Amino acid sequence: GKADRADSIEIRWPDGQVERFKDVPGD
């Protein structure tokens, strides 16, 4: 949308582990 970045990106991997990444630039 109008946001030029993601506040957060969360990935749950196939082994169940979760990683989070904050303030990721868009485009």
PDB file of all heavy atoms in Angstrom:
ATOM      1  N   GLY A   1       0.827  -1.197   0.000  1.00  0.00           N
ATOM      2  CA  GLY A   1       0.000   0.000   0.000  1.00  0.00           C
ATOM      3  C   GLY A   1       0.866   1.252   0.000  1.00  0.00           C
ATOM      4  O   GLY A   1       1.864   1.347  -0.704  1.00  0.00           O
ATOM      5  N   LYS A   2       0.510   2.236   0.813  1.00  0.00           N
ATOM      6  CA  LYS A   2       1.236   3.502   0.856  1.00  0.00           C
ATOM      7  C   LYS A   2       2.532   3.410   1.654  1.00  0.00           C
ATOM      8  O   LYS A   2       3.361   4.333   1.596  1.00  0.00           O
ATOM      9  CB  LYS A   2       0.348   4.589   1.455  1.00  0.00           C
ATOM     10  CG  LYS A   2      -0.977   4.792   0.714  1.00  0.00           C
ATOM     11  CD  LYS A   2      -0.776   5.078  -0.763  1.00  0.00           C
ATOM     12  CE  LYS A   2      -2.101   5.259  -1.502  1.00  0.00           C
ATOM     13  NZ  LYS A   2      -1.908   5.419  -2.971  1.00  0.00           N
ATOM     14  N   ALA A   3       2.730   2.322   2.394  1.00  0.00           N
ATOM     15  CA  ALA A   3       3.950   2.165   3.188  1.00  0.00           C
ATOM     16  C   ALA A   3       5.128   1.838   2.281  1.00  0.00           C
ATOM     17  O   ALA A   3       5.010   1.005   1.383  1.00  0.00           O
ATOM     18  CB  ALA A   3       3.759   1.075   4.234  1.00  0.00           C
ATOM     19  N   ASP A   4       6.272   2.477   2.524  1.00  0.00           N
ATOM     20  CA  ASP A   4       7.443   2.220   1.694  1.00  0.00           C
ATOM     21  C   ASP A   4       8.350   1.150   2.283  1.00  0.00           C
ATOM     22  O   ASP A   4       9.444   0.913   1.777  1.00  0.00           O
ATOM     23  CB  ASP A   4       8.240   3.505   1.456  1.00  0.00           C
ATOM     24  CG  ASP A   4       8.825   4.092   2.728  1.00  0.00           C
ATOM     25  OD1 ASP A   4       8.572   3.538   3.827  1.00  0.00           O
ATOM     26  OD2 ASP A   4       9.533   5.118   2.635  1.00  0.00           O
ATOM     27  N   ARG A   5       7.888   0.495   3.337  1.00  0.00           N
ATOM     28  CA  ARG A   5       8.653  -0.578   3.956  1.00  0.00           C
ATOM     29  C   ARG A   5       7.724  -1.495   4.728  1.00  0.00           C
ATOM     30  O   ARG A   5       6.602  -1.106   5.075  1.00  0.00           O
ATOM     31  CB  ARG A   5       9.740  -0.009   4.878  1.00  0.00           C
ATOM     32  CG  ARG A   5       9.215   0.807   6.047  1.00  0.00           C
ATOM     33  CD  ARG A   5      10.370   1.535   6.747  1.00  0.00           C
ATOM     34  NE  ARG A   5      11.115   2.358   5.810  1.00  0.00           N
ATOM     35  CZ  ARG A   5      12.428   2.201   5.566  1.00  0.00           C
ATOM     36  NH1 ARG A   5      13.117   1.275   6.216  1.00  0.00           N
ATOM     37  NH2 ARG A   5      13.033   2.973   4.686  1.00  0.00           N
ATOM     38  N   ALA A   6       8.197  -2.694   4.994  1.00  0.00           N
ATOM     39  CA  ALA A   6       7.446  -3.628   5.829  1.00  0.00           C
ATOM     40  C   ALA A   6       7.823  -3.411   7.280  1.00  0.00           C
ATOM     41  O   ALA A   6       9.018  -3.344   7.614  1.00  0.00           O
ATOM     42  CB  ALA A   6       7.764  -5.062   5.416  1.00  0.00           C
ATOM     43  N   ASP A   7       6.831  -3.284   8.143  1.00  0.00           N
ATOM     44  CA  ASP A   7       7.125  -3.155   9.570  1.00  0.00           C
ATOM     45  C   ASP A   7       7.868  -4.383  10.071  1.00  0.00           C
ATOM     46  O   ASP A   7       8.795  -4.271  10.873  1.00  0.00           O
ATOM     47  CB  ASP A   7       5.822  -2.971  10.362  1.00  0.00           C
ATOM     48  CG  ASP A   7       5.094  -1.699   9.977  1.00  0.00           C
ATOM     49  OD1 ASP A   7       5.772  -0.715   9.606  1.00  0.00           O
ATOM     50  OD2 ASP A   7       3.857  -1.687  10.028  1.00  0.00           O
ATOM     51  N   SER A   8       7.449  -5.552   9.583  1.00  0.00           N
ATOM     52  CA  SER A   8       8.136  -6.787   9.968  1.00  0.00           C
ATOM     53  C   SER A   8       7.889  -7.861   8.919  1.00  0.00           C
ATOM     54  O   SER A   8       6.875  -7.840   8.216  1.00  0.00           O
ATOM     55  CB  SER A   8       7.667  -7.276  11.335  1.00  0.00           C
ATOM     56  OG  SER A   8       6.328  -7.736  11.278  1.00  0.00           O
ATOM     57  N   ILE A   9       8.837  -8.776   8.812  1.00  0.00           N
ATOM     58  CA  ILE A   9       8.696  -9.990   8.014  1.00  0.00           C
ATOM     59  C   ILE A   9       9.012 -11.163   8.921  1.00  0.00           C
ATOM     60  O   ILE A   9      10.071 -11.204   9.556  1.00  0.00           O
ATOM     61  CB  ILE A   9       9.654  -9.998   6.805  1.00  0.00           C
ATOM     62  CG1 ILE A   9       9.303  -8.862   5.839  1.00  0.00           C
ATOM     63  CG2 ILE A   9       9.581 -11.344   6.079  1.00  0.00           C
ATOM     64  CD1 ILE A   9      10.263  -8.745   4.673  1.00  0.00           C
ATOM     65  N   GLU A  10       8.080 -12.090   9.023  1.00  0.00           N
ATOM     66  CA  GLU A  10       8.257 -13.280   9.853  1.00  0.00           C
ATOM     67  C   GLU A  10       8.260 -14.506   8.954  1.00  0.00           C
ATOM     68  O   GLU A  10       7.403 -14.647   8.085  1.00  0.00           O
ATOM     69  CB  GLU A  10       7.138 -13.381  10.878  1.00  0.00           C
ATOM     70  CG  GLU A  10       7.188 -14.630  11.750  1.00  0.00           C
ATOM     71  CD  GLU A  10       6.019 -14.712  12.706  1.00  0.00           C
ATOM     72  OE1 GLU A  10       5.837 -13.754  13.494  1.00  0.00           O
ATOM     73  OE2 GLU A  10       5.276 -15.707  12.669  1.00  0.00           O
ATOM     74  N   ILE A  11       9.231 -15.381   9.166  1.00  0.00           N
ATOM     75  CA  ILE A  11       9.305 -16.630   8.407  1.00  0.00           C
ATOM     76  C   ILE A  11       9.273 -17.803   9.379  1.00  0.00           C
ATOM     77  O   ILE A  11      10.095 -17.871  10.295  1.00  0.00           O
ATOM     78  CB  ILE A  11      10.582 -16.706   7.556  1.00  0.00           C
ATOM     79  CG1 ILE A  11      10.634 -15.548   6.566  1.00  0.00           C
ATOM     80  CG2 ILE A  11      10.624 -18.041   6.799  1.00  0.00           C
ATOM     81  CD1 ILE A  11      11.905 -15.518   5.732  1.00  0.00           C
ATOM     82  N   ARG A  12       8.305 -18.683   9.194  1.00  0.00           N
ATOM     83  CA  ARG A  12       8.295 -19.945   9.927  1.00  0.00           C
ATOM     84  C   ARG A  12       8.820 -20.997   8.969  1.00  0.00           C
ATOM     85  O   ARG A  12       8.191 -21.322   7.972  1.00  0.00           O
ATOM     86  CB  ARG A  12       6.890 -20.306  10.402  1.00  0.00           C
ATOM     87  CG  ARG A  12       6.864 -21.532  11.329  1.00  0.00           C
ATOM     88  CD  ARG A  12       5.448 -22.024  11.531  1.00  0.00           C
ATOM     89  NE  ARG A  12       4.905 -22.532  10.273  1.00  0.00           N
ATOM     90  CZ  ARG A  12       3.608 -22.501   9.966  1.00  0.00           C
ATOM     91  NH1 ARG A  12       2.743 -21.976  10.783  1.00  0.00           N
ATOM     92  NH2 ARG A  12       3.190 -22.990   8.812  1.00  0.00           N
ATOM     93  N   TRP A  13      10.001 -21.515   9.278  1.00  0.00           N
ATOM     94  CA  TRP A  13      10.670 -22.472   8.414  1.00  0.00           C
ATOM     95  C   TRP A  13      10.038 -23.852   8.544  1.00  0.00           C
ATOM     96  O   TRP A  13       9.331 -24.121   9.518  1.00  0.00           O
ATOM     97  CB  TRP A  13      12.153 -22.503   8.744  1.00  0.00           C
ATOM     98  CG  TRP A  13      12.826 -21.190   8.545  1.00  0.00           C
ATOM     99  CD1 TRP A  13      13.089 -20.255   9.508  1.00  0.00           C
ATOM    100  CD2 TRP A  13      13.285 -20.640   7.314  1.00  0.00           C
ATOM    101  NE1 TRP A  13      13.690 -19.154   8.948  1.00  0.00           N
ATOM    102  CE2 TRP A  13      13.828 -19.366   7.600  1.00  0.00           C
ATOM    103  CE3 TRP A  13      13.300 -21.090   5.993  1.00  0.00           C
ATOM    104  CZ2 TRP A  13      14.376 -18.540   6.621  1.00  0.00           C
ATOM    105  CZ3 TRP A  13      13.852 -20.282   5.011  1.00  0.00           C
ATOM    106  CH2 TRP A  13      14.381 -19.024   5.322  1.00  0.00           C
ATOM    107  N   PRO A  14      10.284 -24.743   7.584  1.00  0.00           N
ATOM    108  CA  PRO A  14       9.688 -26.086   7.658  1.00  0.00           C
ATOM    109  C   PRO A  14      10.048 -26.857   8.933  1.00  0.00           C
ATOM    110  O   PRO A  14       9.300 -27.737   9.340  1.00  0.00           O
ATOM    111  CB  PRO A  14      10.257 -26.782   6.411  1.00  0.00           C
ATOM    112  CG  PRO A  14      10.496 -25.673   5.442  1.00  0.00           C
ATOM    113  CD  PRO A  14      10.958 -24.522   6.280  1.00  0.00           C
ATOM    114  N   ASP A  15      11.189 -26.530   9.576  1.00  0.00           N
ATOM    115  CA  ASP A  15      11.538 -27.224  10.818  1.00  0.00           C
ATOM    116  C   ASP A  15      10.849 -26.625  12.039  1.00  0.00           C
ATOM    117  O   ASP A  15      11.068 -27.064  13.164  1.00  0.00           O
ATOM    118  CB  ASP A  15      13.053 -27.238  11.017  1.00  0.00           C
ATOM    119  CG  ASP A  15      13.661 -25.842  11.169  1.00  0.00           C
ATOM    120  OD1 ASP A  15      12.897 -24.870  11.281  1.00  0.00           O
ATOM    121  OD2 ASP A  15      14.909 -25.734  11.162  1.00  0.00           O
ATOM    122  N   GLY A  16      10.009 -25.589  11.826  1.00  0.00           N
ATOM    123  CA  GLY A  16       9.265 -24.970  12.914  1.00  0.00           C
ATOM    124  C   GLY A  16       9.922 -23.750  13.501  1.00  0.00           C
ATOM    125  O   GLY A  16       9.279 -23.001  14.248  1.00  0.00           O
ATOM    126  N   GLN A  17      11.181 -23.518  13.225  1.00  0.00           N
ATOM    127  CA  GLN A  17      11.862 -22.338  13.753  1.00  0.00           C
ATOM    128  C   GLN A  17      11.312 -21.076  13.109  1.00  0.00           C
ATOM    129  O   GLN A  17      10.983 -21.069  11.915  1.00  0.00           O
ATOM    130  CB  GLN A  17      13.367 -22.436  13.515  1.00  0.00           C
ATOM    131  CG  GLN A  17      14.168 -21.294  14.144  1.00  0.00           C
ATOM    132  CD  GLN A  17      15.671 -21.510  14.022  1.00  0.00           C
ATOM    133  OE1 GLN A  17      16.131 -22.648  13.888  1.00  0.00           O
ATOM    134  NE2 GLN A  17      16.427 -20.424  14.058  1.00  0.00           N
ATOM    135  N   VAL A  18      11.223 -20.008  13.894  1.00  0.00           N
ATOM    136  CA  VAL A  18      10.668 -18.744  13.422  1.00  0.00           C
ATOM    137  C   VAL A  18      11.738 -17.658  13.494  1.00  0.00           C
ATOM    138  O   VAL A  18      12.428 -17.514  14.507  1.00  0.00           O
ATOM    139  CB  VAL A  18       9.439 -18.330  14.251  1.00  0.00           C
ATOM    140  CG1 VAL A  18       8.932 -16.955  13.817  1.00  0.00           C
ATOM    141  CG2 VAL A  18       8.325 -19.372  14.112  1.00  0.00           C
ATOM    142  N   GLU A  19      11.865 -16.893  12.414  1.00  0.00           N
ATOM    143  CA  GLU A  19      12.763 -15.743  12.391  1.00  0.00           C
ATOM    144  C   GLU A  19      11.967 -14.504  12.024  1.00  0.00           C
ATOM    145  O   GLU A  19      11.039 -14.558  11.214  1.00  0.00           O
ATOM    146  CB  GLU A  19      13.889 -15.951  11.380  1.00  0.00           C
ATOM    147  CG  GLU A  19      14.899 -17.023  11.769  1.00  0.00           C
ATOM    148  CD  GLU A  19      16.063 -17.068  10.812  1.00  0.00           C
ATOM    149  OE1 GLU A  19      17.043 -16.313  11.030  1.00  0.00           O
ATOM    150  OE2 GLU A  19      15.996 -17.846   9.843  1.00  0.00           O
ATOM    151  N   ARG A  20      12.368 -13.367  12.622  1.00  0.00           N
ATOM    152  CA  ARG A  20      11.674 -12.105  12.361  1.00  0.00           C
ATOM    153  C   ARG A  20      12.681 -11.044  11.950  1.00  0.00           C
ATOM    154  O   ARG A  20      13.779 -10.957  12.514  1.00  0.00           O
ATOM    155  CB  ARG A  20      10.880 -11.654  13.588  1.00  0.00           C
ATOM    156  CG  ARG A  20       9.740 -12.581  13.965  1.00  0.00           C
ATOM    157  CD  ARG A  20       8.996 -12.085  15.201  1.00  0.00           C
ATOM    158  NE  ARG A  20       7.873 -12.957  15.522  1.00  0.00           N
ATOM    159  CZ  ARG A  20       7.976 -14.056  16.264  1.00  0.00           C
ATOM    160  NH1 ARG A  20       9.157 -14.410  16.757  1.00  0.00           N
ATOM    161  NH2 ARG A  20       6.903 -14.790  16.521  1.00  0.00           N
ATOM    162  N   PHE A  21      12.261 -10.215  11.000  1.00  0.00           N
ATOM    163  CA  PHE A  21      13.109  -9.143  10.491  1.00  0.00           C
ATOM    164  C   PHE A  21      12.289  -7.856  10.528  1.00  0.00           C
ATOM    165  O   PHE A  21      11.165  -7.813  10.029  1.00  0.00           O
ATOM    166  CB  PHE A  21      13.570  -9.469   9.073  1.00  0.00           C
ATOM    167  CG  PHE A  21      14.191 -10.842   8.941  1.00  0.00           C
ATOM    168  CD1 PHE A  21      13.391 -11.952   8.654  1.00  0.00           C
ATOM    169  CD2 PHE A  21      15.541 -11.028   9.158  1.00  0.00           C
ATOM    170  CE1 PHE A  21      13.948 -13.216   8.537  1.00  0.00           C
ATOM    171  CE2 PHE A  21      16.106 -12.296   9.058  1.00  0.00           C
ATOM    172  CZ  PHE A  21      15.317 -13.388   8.749  1.00  0.00           C
ATOM    173  N   LYS A  22      12.846  -6.817  11.127  1.00  0.00           N
ATOM    174  CA  LYS A  22      12.119  -5.573  11.349  1.00  0.00           C
ATOM    175  C   LYS A  22      12.504  -4.496  10.333  1.00  0.00           C
ATOM    176  O   LYS A  22      13.643  -4.439   9.862  1.00  0.00           O
ATOM    177  CB  LYS A  22      12.398  -5.056  12.764  1.00  0.00           C
ATOM    178  CG  LYS A  22      11.966  -6.009  13.880  1.00  0.00           C
ATOM    179  CD  LYS A  22      10.455  -6.108  13.983  1.00  0.00           C
ATOM    180  CE  LYS A  22      10.034  -6.923  15.202  1.00  0.00           C
ATOM    181  NZ  LYS A  22       8.558  -7.039  15.310  1.00  0.00           N
ATOM    182  N   ASP A  23      11.531  -3.647  10.031  1.00  0.00           N
ATOM    183  CA  ASP A  23      11.751  -2.423   9.257  1.00  0.00           C
ATOM    184  C   ASP A  23      12.518  -2.706   7.966  1.00  0.00           C
ATOM    185  O   ASP A  23      13.623  -2.206   7.743  1.00  0.00           O
ATOM    186  CB  ASP A  23      12.503  -1.404  10.120  1.00  0.00           C
ATOM    187  CG  ASP A  23      12.425   0.009   9.541  1.00  0.00           C
ATOM    188  OD1 ASP A  23      11.412   0.333   8.899  1.00  0.00           O
ATOM    189  OD2 ASP A  23      13.394   0.759   9.734  1.00  0.00           O
ATOM    190  N   VAL A  24      11.900  -3.498   7.094  1.00  0.00           N
ATOM    191  CA  VAL A  24      12.557  -3.919   5.859  1.00  0.00           C
ATOM    192  C   VAL A  24      12.093  -3.015   4.707  1.00  0.00           C
ATOM    193  O   VAL A  24      10.894  -2.930   4.432  1.00  0.00           O
ATOM    194  CB  VAL A  24      12.213  -5.390   5.533  1.00  0.00           C
ATOM    195  CG1 VAL A  24      12.968  -5.833   4.287  1.00  0.00           C
ATOM    196  CG2 VAL A  24      12.544  -6.288   6.713  1.00  0.00           C
ATOM    197  N   PRO A  25      13.030  -2.322   4.026  1.00  0.00           N
ATOM    198  CA  PRO A  25      12.637  -1.428   2.921  1.00  0.00           C
ATOM    199  C   PRO A  25      11.900  -2.180   1.822  1.00  0.00           C
ATOM    200  O   PRO A  25      12.197  -3.341   1.527  1.00  0.00           O
ATOM    201  CB  PRO A  25      13.984  -0.887   2.416  1.00  0.00           C
ATOM    202  CG  PRO A  25      14.907  -1.030   3.582  1.00  0.00           C
ATOM    203  CD  PRO A  25      14.469  -2.277   4.293  1.00  0.00           C
ATOM    204  N   GLY A  26      10.941  -1.502   1.207  1.00  0.00           N
ATOM    205  CA  GLY A  26      10.138  -2.124   0.172  1.00  0.00           C
ATOM    206  C   GLY A  26      10.675  -1.893  -1.224  1.00  0.00           C
ATOM    207  O   GLY A  26      11.793  -1.411  -1.420  1.00  0.00           O
ATOM    208  N   ASP A  27       9.850  -2.276  -2.209  1.00  0.00           N
ATOM    209  CA  ASP A  27      10.169  -2.146  -3.624  1.00  0.00           C
ATOM    210  C   ASP A  27      11.449  -2.884  -3.985  1.00  0.00           C
ATOM    211  O   ASP A  27      12.317  -2.370  -4.714  1.00  0.00           O
ATOM    212  CB  ASP A  27      10.268  -0.669  -4.034  1.00  0.00           C
ATOM    213  CG  ASP A  27       8.966   0.078  -3.808  1.00  0.00           C
ATOM    214  OD1 ASP A  27       7.894  -0.529  -4.021  1.00  0.00           O
ATOM    215  OD2 ASP A  27       9.006   1.253  -3.414  1.00  0.00           O
TER     216      ASP A  27
END
